[in-house]
Amino acid sequence: MDMSTLTIRLPDDTAQRLKALAHSRGLSMNKLVEQLSAHALSAWDTENHFRAMAATGDVKKALAVLDRLDAADAANPKASVRQAS
């Protein structure tokens, strides 16, 4: 895999907090930024995926799925609480 070097400017307090976070996780700053970047990109990809699906989706079918999920949660409230934690 090819790698790029990226120089960024951050406020000193932000940089210090990121260093503390990396240290607390036993990571280098490089690895922490790599992980945070992967997380941000994954969230962005997911958002784009759902936007594309919504643009071509059937609203009535989507609402029916949500209704079924709500009914399942109401029937088994302990399961939905465990999944949310």
PDB file of N, CA and C in Angstrom:
ATOM      1  N   MET A   1       0.846  -1.168   0.000  1.00  0.00           N
ATOM      2  CA  MET A   1       0.000   0.000   0.000  1.00  0.00           C
ATOM      3  C   MET A   1       0.895   1.236   0.000  1.00  0.00           C
ATOM      4  N   ASP A   2       0.609   2.174  -0.890  1.00  0.00           N
ATOM      5  CA  ASP A   2       1.347   3.436  -0.917  1.00  0.00           C
ATOM      6  C   ASP A   2       0.923   4.292   0.259  1.00  0.00           C
ATOM      7  N   MET A   3       1.850   5.091   0.761  1.00  0.00           N
ATOM      8  CA  MET A   3       1.568   5.968   1.899  1.00  0.00           C
ATOM      9  C   MET A   3       1.895   7.397   1.499  1.00  0.00           C
ATOM     10  N   SER A   4       1.143   8.336   2.051  1.00  0.00           N
ATOM     11  CA  SER A   4       1.388   9.759   1.833  1.00  0.00           C
ATOM     12  C   SER A   4       1.778  10.393   3.158  1.00  0.00           C
ATOM     13  N   THR A   5       2.565  11.437   3.071  1.00  0.00           N
ATOM     14  CA  THR A   5       2.908  12.225   4.245  1.00  0.00           C
ATOM     15  C   THR A   5       2.018  13.451   4.244  1.00  0.00           C
ATOM     16  N   LEU A   6       1.405  13.731   5.387  1.00  0.00           N
ATOM     17  CA  LEU A   6       0.481  14.841   5.503  1.00  0.00           C
ATOM     18  C   LEU A   6       0.887  15.693   6.695  1.00  0.00           C
ATOM     19  N   THR A   7       1.061  16.961   6.472  1.00  0.00           N
ATOM     20  CA  THR A   7       1.367  17.891   7.558  1.00  0.00           C
ATOM     21  C   THR A   7       0.107  18.684   7.857  1.00  0.00           C
ATOM     22  N   ILE A   8      -0.285  18.715   9.125  1.00  0.00           N
ATOM     23  CA  ILE A   8      -1.487  19.456   9.498  1.00  0.00           C
ATOM     24  C   ILE A   8      -1.150  20.467  10.594  1.00  0.00           C
ATOM     25  N   ARG A   9      -1.939  21.523  10.665  1.00  0.00           N
ATOM     26  CA  ARG A   9      -1.800  22.514  11.726  1.00  0.00           C
ATOM     27  C   ARG A   9      -2.982  22.353  12.671  1.00  0.00           C
ATOM     28  N   LEU A  10      -2.677  22.246  13.955  1.00  0.00           N
ATOM     29  CA  LEU A  10      -3.703  22.130  14.985  1.00  0.00           C
ATOM     30  C   LEU A  10      -3.378  23.104  16.101  1.00  0.00           C
ATOM     31  N   PRO A  11      -4.400  23.578  16.804  1.00  0.00           N
ATOM     32  CA  PRO A  11      -4.108  24.354  18.003  1.00  0.00           C
ATOM     33  C   PRO A  11      -3.294  23.503  18.982  1.00  0.00           C
ATOM     34  N   ASP A  12      -2.405  24.147  19.729  1.00  0.00           N
ATOM     35  CA  ASP A  12      -1.534  23.416  20.654  1.00  0.00           C
ATOM     36  C   ASP A  12      -2.314  22.532  21.612  1.00  0.00           C
ATOM     37  N   ASP A  13      -3.421  23.045  22.158  1.00  0.00           N
ATOM     38  CA  ASP A  13      -4.181  22.241  23.120  1.00  0.00           C
ATOM     39  C   ASP A  13      -4.787  21.002  22.463  1.00  0.00           C
ATOM     40  N   THR A  14      -5.216  21.135  21.227  1.00  0.00           N
ATOM     41  CA  THR A  14      -5.759  19.973  20.503  1.00  0.00           C
ATOM     42  C   THR A  14      -4.668  18.943  20.263  1.00  0.00           C
ATOM     43  N   ALA A  15      -3.502  19.402  19.851  1.00  0.00           N
ATOM     44  CA  ALA A  15      -2.390  18.481  19.610  1.00  0.00           C
ATOM     45  C   ALA A  15      -2.003  17.756  20.893  1.00  0.00           C
ATOM     46  N   GLN A  16      -1.971  18.475  22.007  1.00  0.00           N
ATOM     47  CA  GLN A  16      -1.616  17.850  23.283  1.00  0.00           C
ATOM     48  C   GLN A  16      -2.670  16.817  23.694  1.00  0.00           C
ATOM     49  N   ARG A  17      -3.925  17.137  23.485  1.00  0.00           N
ATOM     50  CA  ARG A  17      -4.991  16.183  23.828  1.00  0.00           C
ATOM     51  C   ARG A  17      -4.913  14.932  22.961  1.00  0.00           C
ATOM     52  N   LEU A  18      -4.611  15.120  21.682  1.00  0.00           N
ATOM     53  CA  LEU A  18      -4.457  13.957  20.798  1.00  0.00           C
ATOM     54  C   LEU A  18      -3.266  13.102  21.218  1.00  0.00           C
ATOM     55  N   LYS A  19      -2.176  13.739  21.614  1.00  0.00           N
ATOM     56  CA  LYS A  19      -1.016  12.985  22.103  1.00  0.00           C
ATOM     57  C   LYS A  19      -1.383  12.198  23.347  1.00  0.00           C
ATOM     58  N   ALA A  20      -2.137  12.813  24.249  1.00  0.00           N
ATOM     59  CA  ALA A  20      -2.570  12.116  25.465  1.00  0.00           C
ATOM     60  C   ALA A  20      -3.486  10.941  25.122  1.00  0.00           C
ATOM     61  N   LEU A  21      -4.379  11.144  24.166  1.00  0.00           N
ATOM     62  CA  LEU A  21      -5.269  10.071  23.733  1.00  0.00           C
ATOM     63  C   LEU A  21      -4.472   8.920  23.132  1.00  0.00           C
ATOM     64  N   ALA A  22      -3.535   9.235  22.264  1.00  0.00           N
ATOM     65  CA  ALA A  22      -2.700   8.195  21.651  1.00  0.00           C
ATOM     66  C   ALA A  22      -1.943   7.428  22.728  1.00  0.00           C
ATOM     67  N   HIS A  23      -1.363   8.156  23.662  1.00  0.00           N
ATOM     68  CA  HIS A  23      -0.604   7.512  24.741  1.00  0.00           C
ATOM     69  C   HIS A  23      -1.511   6.597  25.566  1.00  0.00           C
ATOM     70  N   SER A  24      -2.724   7.071  25.883  1.00  0.00           N
ATOM     71  CA  SER A  24      -3.638   6.266  26.705  1.00  0.00           C
ATOM     72  C   SER A  24      -4.061   4.975  26.003  1.00  0.00           C
ATOM     73  N   ARG A  25      -4.029   4.982  24.680  1.00  0.00           N
ATOM     74  CA  ARG A  25      -4.398   3.792  23.901  1.00  0.00           C
ATOM     75  C   ARG A  25      -3.180   2.976  23.480  1.00  0.00           C
ATOM     76  N   GLY A  26      -2.000   3.445  23.861  1.00  0.00           N
ATOM     77  CA  GLY A  26      -0.783   2.736  23.491  1.00  0.00           C
ATOM     78  C   GLY A  26      -0.478   2.821  22.008  1.00  0.00           C
ATOM     79  N   LEU A  27      -0.821   3.956  21.401  1.00  0.00           N
ATOM     80  CA  LEU A  27      -0.639   4.131  19.966  1.00  0.00           C
ATOM     81  C   LEU A  27       0.315   5.284  19.690  1.00  0.00           C
ATOM     82  N   SER A  28       0.911   5.251  18.530  1.00  0.00           N
ATOM     83  CA  SER A  28       1.664   6.417  18.058  1.00  0.00           C
ATOM     84  C   SER A  28       0.637   7.434  17.553  1.00  0.00           C
ATOM     85  N   MET A  29       1.075   8.680  17.439  1.00  0.00           N
ATOM     86  CA  MET A  29       0.189   9.698  16.869  1.00  0.00           C
ATOM     87  C   MET A  29      -0.211   9.314  15.448  1.00  0.00           C
ATOM     88  N   ASN A  30       0.727   8.767  14.699  1.00  0.00           N
ATOM     89  CA  ASN A  30       0.442   8.352  13.337  1.00  0.00           C
ATOM     90  C   ASN A  30      -0.686   7.321  13.296  1.00  0.00           C
ATOM     91  N   LYS A  31      -0.582   6.312  14.161  1.00  0.00           N
ATOM     92  CA  LYS A  31      -1.591   5.250  14.179  1.00  0.00           C
ATOM     93  C   LYS A  31      -2.938   5.790  14.646  1.00  0.00           C
ATOM     94  N   LEU A  32      -2.934   6.688  15.635  1.00  0.00           N
ATOM     95  CA  LEU A  32      -4.185   7.276  16.108  1.00  0.00           C
ATOM     96  C   LEU A  32      -4.869   8.041  14.981  1.00  0.00           C
ATOM     97  N   VAL A  33      -4.124   8.881  14.275  1.00  0.00           N
ATOM     98  CA  VAL A  33      -4.714   9.658  13.176  1.00  0.00           C
ATOM     99  C   VAL A  33      -5.195   8.723  12.074  1.00  0.00           C
ATOM    100  N   GLU A  34      -4.462   7.653  11.825  1.00  0.00           N
ATOM    101  CA  GLU A  34      -4.901   6.662  10.830  1.00  0.00           C
ATOM    102  C   GLU A  34      -6.236   6.051  11.244  1.00  0.00           C
ATOM    103  N   GLN A  35      -6.369   5.675  12.519  1.00  0.00           N
ATOM    104  CA  GLN A  35      -7.622   5.077  13.000  1.00  0.00           C
ATOM    105  C   GLN A  35      -8.772   6.076  12.959  1.00  0.00           C
ATOM    106  N   LEU A  36      -8.515   7.308  13.409  1.00  0.00           N
ATOM    107  CA  LEU A  36      -9.560   8.328  13.389  1.00  0.00           C
ATOM    108  C   LEU A  36      -9.991   8.635  11.963  1.00  0.00           C
ATOM    109  N   SER A  37      -9.044   8.657  11.032  1.00  0.00           N
ATOM    110  CA  SER A  37      -9.367   8.897   9.628  1.00  0.00           C
ATOM    111  C   SER A  37     -10.219   7.760   9.064  1.00  0.00           C
ATOM    112  N   ALA A  38      -9.860   6.536   9.388  1.00  0.00           N
ATOM    113  CA  ALA A  38     -10.633   5.382   8.911  1.00  0.00           C
ATOM    114  C   ALA A  38     -12.060   5.440   9.441  1.00  0.00           C
ATOM    115  N   HIS A  39     -12.204   5.830  10.703  1.00  0.00           N
ATOM    116  CA  HIS A  39     -13.539   5.941  11.302  1.00  0.00           C
ATOM    117  C   HIS A  39     -14.357   7.020  10.592  1.00  0.00           C
ATOM    118  N   ALA A  40     -13.760   8.182  10.363  1.00  0.00           N
ATOM    119  CA  ALA A  40     -14.458   9.276   9.682  1.00  0.00           C
ATOM    120  C   ALA A  40     -14.857   8.878   8.268  1.00  0.00           C
ATOM    121  N   LEU A  41     -13.959   8.216   7.547  1.00  0.00           N
ATOM    122  CA  LEU A  41     -14.270   7.795   6.183  1.00  0.00           C
ATOM    123  C   LEU A  41     -15.358   6.731   6.143  1.00  0.00           C
ATOM    124  N   SER A  42     -15.350   5.842   7.115  1.00  0.00           N
ATOM    125  CA  SER A  42     -16.396   4.819   7.196  1.00  0.00           C
ATOM    126  C   SER A  42     -17.763   5.463   7.420  1.00  0.00           C
ATOM    127  N   ALA A  43     -17.818   6.454   8.322  1.00  0.00           N
ATOM    128  CA  ALA A  43     -19.076   7.156   8.576  1.00  0.00           C
ATOM    129  C   ALA A  43     -19.542   7.892   7.312  1.00  0.00           C
ATOM    130  N   TRP A  44     -18.603   8.505   6.605  1.00  0.00           N
ATOM    131  CA  TRP A  44     -18.942   9.219   5.381  1.00  0.00           C
ATOM    132  C   TRP A  44     -19.455   8.258   4.305  1.00  0.00           C
ATOM    133  N   ASP A  45     -18.782   7.117   4.157  1.00  0.00           N
ATOM    134  CA  ASP A  45     -19.221   6.113   3.183  1.00  0.00           C
ATOM    135  C   ASP A  45     -20.621   5.613   3.518  1.00  0.00           C
ATOM    136  N   THR A  46     -20.883   5.379   4.808  1.00  0.00           N
ATOM    137  CA  THR A  46     -22.194   4.905   5.234  1.00  0.00           C
ATOM    138  C   THR A  46     -23.266   5.943   4.925  1.00  0.00           C
ATOM    139  N   GLU A  47     -22.976   7.207   5.244  1.00  0.00           N
ATOM    140  CA  GLU A  47     -23.935   8.279   4.954  1.00  0.00           C
ATOM    141  C   GLU A  47     -24.231   8.347   3.455  1.00  0.00           C
ATOM    142  N   ASN A  48     -23.192   8.298   2.638  1.00  0.00           N
ATOM    143  CA  ASN A  48     -23.390   8.351   1.186  1.00  0.00           C
ATOM    144  C   ASN A  48     -24.188   7.155   0.677  1.00  0.00           C
ATOM    145  N   HIS A  49     -23.921   5.992   1.258  1.00  0.00           N
ATOM    146  CA  HIS A  49     -24.656   4.780   0.870  1.00  0.00           C
ATOM    147  C   HIS A  49     -26.149   4.945   1.162  1.00  0.00           C
ATOM    148  N   PHE A  50     -26.457   5.426   2.385  1.00  0.00           N
ATOM    149  CA  PHE A  50     -27.869   5.584   2.738  1.00  0.00           C
ATOM    150  C   PHE A  50     -28.532   6.704   1.952  1.00  0.00           C
ATOM    151  N   ARG A  51     -27.783   7.752   1.620  1.00  0.00           N
ATOM    152  CA  ARG A  51     -28.355   8.816   0.787  1.00  0.00           C
ATOM    153  C   ARG A  51     -28.694   8.268  -0.609  1.00  0.00           C
ATOM    154  N   ALA A  52     -27.816   7.460  -1.157  1.00  0.00           N
ATOM    155  CA  ALA A  52     -28.074   6.871  -2.474  1.00  0.00           C
ATOM    156  C   ALA A  52     -29.272   5.932  -2.420  1.00  0.00           C
ATOM    157  N   MET A  53     -29.346   5.146  -1.357  1.00  0.00           N
ATOM    158  CA  MET A  53     -30.488   4.241  -1.220  1.00  0.00           C
ATOM    159  C   MET A  53     -31.785   5.029  -1.065  1.00  0.00           C
ATOM    160  N   ALA A  54     -31.743   6.116  -0.275  1.00  0.00           N
ATOM    161  CA  ALA A  54     -32.941   6.923  -0.041  1.00  0.00           C
ATOM    162  C   ALA A  54     -33.421   7.575  -1.331  1.00  0.00           C
ATOM    163  N   ALA A  55     -32.481   7.948  -2.178  1.00  0.00           N
ATOM    164  CA  ALA A  55     -32.846   8.612  -3.426  1.00  0.00           C
ATOM    165  C   ALA A  55     -33.605   7.687  -4.375  1.00  0.00           C
ATOM    166  N   THR A  56     -33.377   6.392  -4.249  1.00  0.00           N
ATOM    167  CA  THR A  56     -34.031   5.445  -5.154  1.00  0.00           C
ATOM    168  C   THR A  56     -35.009   4.538  -4.427  1.00  0.00           C
ATOM    169  N   GLY A  57     -35.186   4.776  -3.136  1.00  0.00           N
ATOM    170  CA  GLY A  57     -35.990   3.871  -2.322  1.00  0.00           C
ATOM    171  C   GLY A  57     -37.477   4.146  -2.378  1.00  0.00           C
ATOM    172  N   ASP A  58     -38.196   3.238  -1.772  1.00  0.00           N
ATOM    173  CA  ASP A  58     -39.642   3.314  -1.657  1.00  0.00           C
ATOM    174  C   ASP A  58     -39.972   3.734  -0.228  1.00  0.00           C
ATOM    175  N   VAL A  59     -40.527   4.918  -0.048  1.00  0.00           N
ATOM    176  CA  VAL A  59     -40.791   5.471   1.277  1.00  0.00           C
ATOM    177  C   VAL A  59     -41.745   4.572   2.061  1.00  0.00           C
ATOM    178  N   LYS A  60     -42.780   4.071   1.426  1.00  0.00           N
ATOM    179  CA  LYS A  60     -43.748   3.219   2.135  1.00  0.00           C
ATOM    180  C   LYS A  60     -43.082   1.947   2.656  1.00  0.00           C
ATOM    181  N   LYS A  61     -42.228   1.329   1.849  1.00  0.00           N
ATOM    182  CA  LYS A  61     -41.525   0.123   2.289  1.00  0.00           C
ATOM    183  C   LYS A  61     -40.568   0.446   3.441  1.00  0.00           C
ATOM    184  N   ALA A  62     -39.879   1.574   3.347  1.00  0.00           N
ATOM    185  CA  ALA A  62     -38.946   1.966   4.404  1.00  0.00           C
ATOM    186  C   ALA A  62     -39.688   2.193   5.715  1.00  0.00           C
ATOM    187  N   LEU A  63     -40.824   2.868   5.659  1.00  0.00           N
ATOM    188  CA  LEU A  63     -41.610   3.102   6.871  1.00  0.00           C
ATOM    189  C   LEU A  63     -42.157   1.798   7.437  1.00  0.00           C
ATOM    190  N   ALA A  64     -42.510   0.867   6.567  1.00  0.00           N
ATOM    191  CA  ALA A  64     -42.987  -0.433   7.035  1.00  0.00           C
ATOM    192  C   ALA A  64     -41.882  -1.180   7.774  1.00  0.00           C
ATOM    193  N   VAL A  65     -40.652  -1.100   7.285  1.00  0.00           N
ATOM    194  CA  VAL A  65     -39.519  -1.735   7.972  1.00  0.00           C
ATOM    195  C   VAL A  65     -39.335  -1.101   9.346  1.00  0.00           C
ATOM    196  N   LEU A  66     -39.372   0.222   9.414  1.00  0.00           N
ATOM    197  CA  LEU A  66     -39.227   0.905  10.706  1.00  0.00           C
ATOM    198  C   LEU A  66     -40.349   0.526  11.663  1.00  0.00           C
ATOM    199  N   ASP A  67     -41.569   0.399  11.156  1.00  0.00           N
ATOM    200  CA  ASP A  67     -42.689  -0.027  12.002  1.00  0.00           C
ATOM    201  C   ASP A  67     -42.450  -1.427  12.564  1.00  0.00           C
ATOM    202  N   ARG A  68     -41.932  -2.338  11.728  1.00  0.00           N
ATOM    203  CA  ARG A  68     -41.642  -3.697  12.202  1.00  0.00           C
ATOM    204  C   ARG A  68     -40.548  -3.675  13.276  1.00  0.00           C
ATOM    205  N   LEU A  69     -39.530  -2.838  13.080  1.00  0.00           N
ATOM    206  CA  LEU A  69     -38.461  -2.736  14.078  1.00  0.00           C
ATOM    207  C   LEU A  69     -38.985  -2.169  15.388  1.00  0.00           C
ATOM    208  N   ASP A  70     -39.838  -1.152  15.307  1.00  0.00           N
ATOM    209  CA  ASP A  70     -40.442  -0.591  16.520  1.00  0.00           C
ATOM    210  C   ASP A  70     -41.282  -1.641  17.247  1.00  0.00           C
ATOM    211  N   ALA A  71     -42.035  -2.426  16.498  1.00  0.00           N
ATOM    212  CA  ALA A  71     -42.860  -3.465  17.106  1.00  0.00           C
ATOM    213  C   ALA A  71     -41.991  -4.527  17.770  1.00  0.00           C
ATOM    214  N   ALA A  72     -40.889  -4.892  17.127  1.00  0.00           N
ATOM    215  CA  ALA A  72     -39.975  -5.885  17.705  1.00  0.00           C
ATOM    216  C   ALA A  72     -39.349  -5.339  18.981  1.00  0.00           C
ATOM    217  N   ASP A  73     -38.978  -4.063  18.996  1.00  0.00           N
ATOM    218  CA  ASP A  73     -38.412  -3.443  20.201  1.00  0.00           C
ATOM    219  C   ASP A  73     -39.438  -3.412  21.324  1.00  0.00           C
ATOM    220  N   ALA A  74     -40.673  -3.095  20.992  1.00  0.00           N
ATOM    221  CA  ALA A  74     -41.724  -3.029  22.009  1.00  0.00           C
ATOM    222  C   ALA A  74     -42.002  -4.413  22.585  1.00  0.00           C
ATOM    223  N   ALA A  75     -41.893  -5.440  21.771  1.00  0.00           N
ATOM    224  CA  ALA A  75     -42.140  -6.806  22.228  1.00  0.00           C
ATOM    225  C   ALA A  75     -41.004  -7.345  23.080  1.00  0.00           C
ATOM    226  N   ASN A  76     -39.795  -6.815  22.899  1.00  0.00           N
ATOM    227  CA  ASN A  76     -38.629  -7.307  23.627  1.00  0.00           C
ATOM    228  C   ASN A  76     -37.777  -6.114  24.081  1.00  0.00           C
ATOM    229  N   PRO A  77     -38.256  -5.325  25.064  1.00  0.00           N
ATOM    230  CA  PRO A  77     -37.545  -4.101  25.448  1.00  0.00           C
ATOM    231  C   PRO A  77     -36.149  -4.336  26.024  1.00  0.00           C
ATOM    232  N   LYS A  78     -35.917  -5.454  26.700  1.00  0.00           N
ATOM    233  CA  LYS A  78     -34.593  -5.720  27.264  1.00  0.00           C
ATOM    234  C   LYS A  78     -33.553  -5.872  26.158  1.00  0.00           C
ATOM    235  N   ALA A  79     -33.896  -6.493  25.054  1.00  0.00           N
ATOM    236  CA  ALA A  79     -32.954  -6.689  23.948  1.00  0.00           C
ATOM    237  C   ALA A  79     -32.557  -5.357  23.342  1.00  0.00           C
ATOM    238  N   SER A  80     -33.521  -4.442  23.167  1.00  0.00           N
ATOM    239  CA  SER A  80     -33.194  -3.164  22.550  1.00  0.00           C
ATOM    240  C   SER A  80     -32.333  -2.307  23.480  1.00  0.00           C
ATOM    241  N   VAL A  81     -32.514  -2.430  24.793  1.00  0.00           N
ATOM    242  CA  VAL A  81     -31.690  -1.682  25.736  1.00  0.00           C
ATOM    243  C   VAL A  81     -30.266  -2.193  25.699  1.00  0.00           C
ATOM    244  N   ARG A  82     -30.094  -3.526  25.651  1.00  0.00           N
ATOM    245  CA  ARG A  82     -28.746  -4.108  25.591  1.00  0.00           C
ATOM    246  C   ARG A  82     -28.028  -3.699  24.329  1.00  0.00           C
ATOM    247  N   GLN A  83     -28.733  -3.678  23.192  1.00  0.00           N
ATOM    248  CA  GLN A  83     -28.099  -3.333  21.927  1.00  0.00           C
ATOM    249  C   GLN A  83     -27.714  -1.865  21.902  1.00  0.00           C
ATOM    250  N   ALA A  84     -28.463  -1.013  22.567  1.00  0.00           N
ATOM    251  CA  ALA A  84     -28.173   0.418  22.552  1.00  0.00           C
ATOM    252  C   ALA A  84     -26.969   0.756  23.429  1.00  0.00           C
ATOM    253  N   SER A  85     -26.628  -0.073  24.395  1.00  0.00           N
ATOM    254  CA  SER A  85     -25.504   0.239  25.288  1.00  0.00           C
ATOM    255  C   SER A  85     -24.191  -0.116  24.682  1.00  0.00           C
TER     256      SER A  85
END
